[in-house]
Amino acid sequence: MQLDLTNTSIILAVALAVVAAMLVMDRHKPPPGEVRLFPVIPVMMAAALVVILMLAHLVSLLTGHPFQGRGGF
């Protein structure tokens, strides 16, 4: 699978939806005395990382210039 514009946009939309869903789940606190069994914050951070990476890739696709690090590669 190549990450063209369509696939990048789909992955970006799914990651944004996951971040939004995790924010909603985080806002709903469990009743006192109960523990949340699903790790909301780590999943949200992983999805946010995917959003940042896909935005960077989307910019490089739209401009035609790949990002270069400080070392020039």
C-alpha atoms as a PDB file:
ATOM      1  CA  MET A   1       0.000   0.000   0.000  1.00  0.00           C
ATOM      2  CA  GLN A   2       1.366   3.353  -0.997  1.00  0.00           C
ATOM      3  CA  LEU A   3       0.593   6.435   1.023  1.00  0.00           C
ATOM      4  CA  ASP A   4      -0.864   8.620  -1.679  1.00  0.00           C
ATOM      5  CA  LEU A   5      -3.168  11.560  -1.027  1.00  0.00           C
ATOM      6  CA  THR A   6      -6.293   9.409  -0.611  1.00  0.00           C
ATOM      7  CA  ASN A   7      -4.785   6.931   1.842  1.00  0.00           C
ATOM      8  CA  THR A   8      -3.114   9.695   3.834  1.00  0.00           C
ATOM      9  CA  SER A   9      -6.408  11.576   4.116  1.00  0.00           C
ATOM     10  CA  ILE A  10      -8.270   8.451   5.221  1.00  0.00           C
ATOM     11  CA  ILE A  11      -5.685   7.621   7.883  1.00  0.00           C
ATOM     12  CA  LEU A  12      -5.740  11.251   9.061  1.00  0.00           C
ATOM     13  CA  ALA A  13      -9.558  11.242   9.331  1.00  0.00           C
ATOM     14  CA  VAL A  14      -9.596   7.945  11.250  1.00  0.00           C
ATOM     15  CA  ALA A  15      -6.899   9.151  13.642  1.00  0.00           C
ATOM     16  CA  LEU A  16      -8.794  12.403  14.243  1.00  0.00           C
ATOM     17  CA  ALA A  17     -11.953  10.406  14.949  1.00  0.00           C
ATOM     18  CA  VAL A  18     -10.069   8.237  17.444  1.00  0.00           C
ATOM     19  CA  VAL A  19      -8.691  11.329  19.204  1.00  0.00           C
ATOM     20  CA  ALA A  20     -12.194  12.824  19.387  1.00  0.00           C
ATOM     21  CA  ALA A  21     -13.676   9.578  20.713  1.00  0.00           C
ATOM     22  CA  MET A  22     -10.970   9.301  23.359  1.00  0.00           C
ATOM     23  CA  LEU A  23     -11.592  12.905  24.431  1.00  0.00           C
ATOM     24  CA  VAL A  24     -15.281  12.127  24.871  1.00  0.00           C
ATOM     25  CA  MET A  25     -14.470   8.953  26.813  1.00  0.00           C
ATOM     26  CA  ASP A  26     -12.021  10.870  29.005  1.00  0.00           C
ATOM     27  CA  ARG A  27     -14.641  13.500  29.856  1.00  0.00           C
ATOM     28  CA  HIS A  28     -17.025  10.851  31.183  1.00  0.00           C
ATOM     29  CA  LYS A  29     -15.557   9.909  34.514  1.00  0.00           C
ATOM     30  CA  PRO A  30     -16.358   6.488  35.977  1.00  0.00           C
ATOM     31  CA  PRO A  31     -18.570   6.330  39.063  1.00  0.00           C
ATOM     32  CA  PRO A  32     -16.755   6.686  42.389  1.00  0.00           C
ATOM     33  CA  GLY A  33     -15.082   3.482  43.463  1.00  0.00           C
ATOM     34  CA  GLU A  34     -14.837   2.037  39.936  1.00  0.00           C
ATOM     35  CA  VAL A  35     -11.738   1.901  37.769  1.00  0.00           C
ATOM     36  CA  ARG A  36     -11.711   2.621  34.043  1.00  0.00           C
ATOM     37  CA  LEU A  37     -10.644  -0.562  32.285  1.00  0.00           C
ATOM     38  CA  PHE A  38      -9.711   1.040  28.961  1.00  0.00           C
ATOM     39  CA  PRO A  39      -6.479   3.096  28.742  1.00  0.00           C
ATOM     40  CA  VAL A  40      -7.877   6.290  27.195  1.00  0.00           C
ATOM     41  CA  ILE A  41      -4.839   8.577  27.496  1.00  0.00           C
ATOM     42  CA  PRO A  42      -2.227   6.262  25.873  1.00  0.00           C
ATOM     43  CA  VAL A  43      -4.579   5.536  22.961  1.00  0.00           C
ATOM     44  CA  MET A  44      -5.259   9.258  22.545  1.00  0.00           C
ATOM     45  CA  MET A  45      -1.528  10.042  22.539  1.00  0.00           C
ATOM     46  CA  ALA A  46      -0.805   7.348  19.943  1.00  0.00           C
ATOM     47  CA  ALA A  47      -3.620   8.643  17.725  1.00  0.00           C
ATOM     48  CA  ALA A  48      -2.362  12.218  18.153  1.00  0.00           C
ATOM     49  CA  LEU A  49       1.096  11.084  17.038  1.00  0.00           C
ATOM     50  CA  VAL A  50      -0.452   9.509  13.934  1.00  0.00           C
ATOM     51  CA  VAL A  51      -2.307  12.790  13.256  1.00  0.00           C
ATOM     52  CA  ILE A  52       0.938  14.778  13.443  1.00  0.00           C
ATOM     53  CA  LEU A  53       2.759  12.334  11.172  1.00  0.00           C
ATOM     54  CA  MET A  54      -0.064  12.273   8.619  1.00  0.00           C
ATOM     55  CA  LEU A  55      -0.281  16.087   8.597  1.00  0.00           C
ATOM     56  CA  ALA A  56       3.453  16.276   7.909  1.00  0.00           C
ATOM     57  CA  HIS A  57       3.111  13.685   5.163  1.00  0.00           C
ATOM     58  CA  LEU A  58       0.111  15.517   3.709  1.00  0.00           C
ATOM     59  CA  VAL A  59       2.090  18.753   3.534  1.00  0.00           C
ATOM     60  CA  SER A  60       4.957  16.991   1.791  1.00  0.00           C
ATOM     61  CA  LEU A  61       2.525  15.415  -0.688  1.00  0.00           C
ATOM     62  CA  LEU A  62       0.809  18.710  -1.462  1.00  0.00           C
ATOM     63  CA  THR A  63       3.996  20.747  -1.824  1.00  0.00           C
ATOM     64  CA  GLY A  64       6.101  18.086  -3.523  1.00  0.00           C
ATOM     65  CA  HIS A  65       9.036  18.714  -1.171  1.00  0.00           C
ATOM     66  CA  PRO A  66       9.822  16.065   1.432  1.00  0.00           C
ATOM     67  CA  PHE A  67      10.725  17.231   4.904  1.00  0.00           C
ATOM     68  CA  GLN A  68      14.413  17.270   5.742  1.00  0.00           C
ATOM     69  CA  GLY A  69      15.778  16.968   9.228  1.00  0.00           C
ATOM     70  CA  ARG A  70      18.451  19.141  10.746  1.00  0.00           C
ATOM     71  CA  GLY A  71      21.128  16.830   9.396  1.00  0.00           C
ATOM     72  CA  GLY A  72      19.881  17.377   5.836  1.00  0.00           C
ATOM     73  CA  PHE A  73      18.559  13.867   5.309  1.00  0.00           C
END
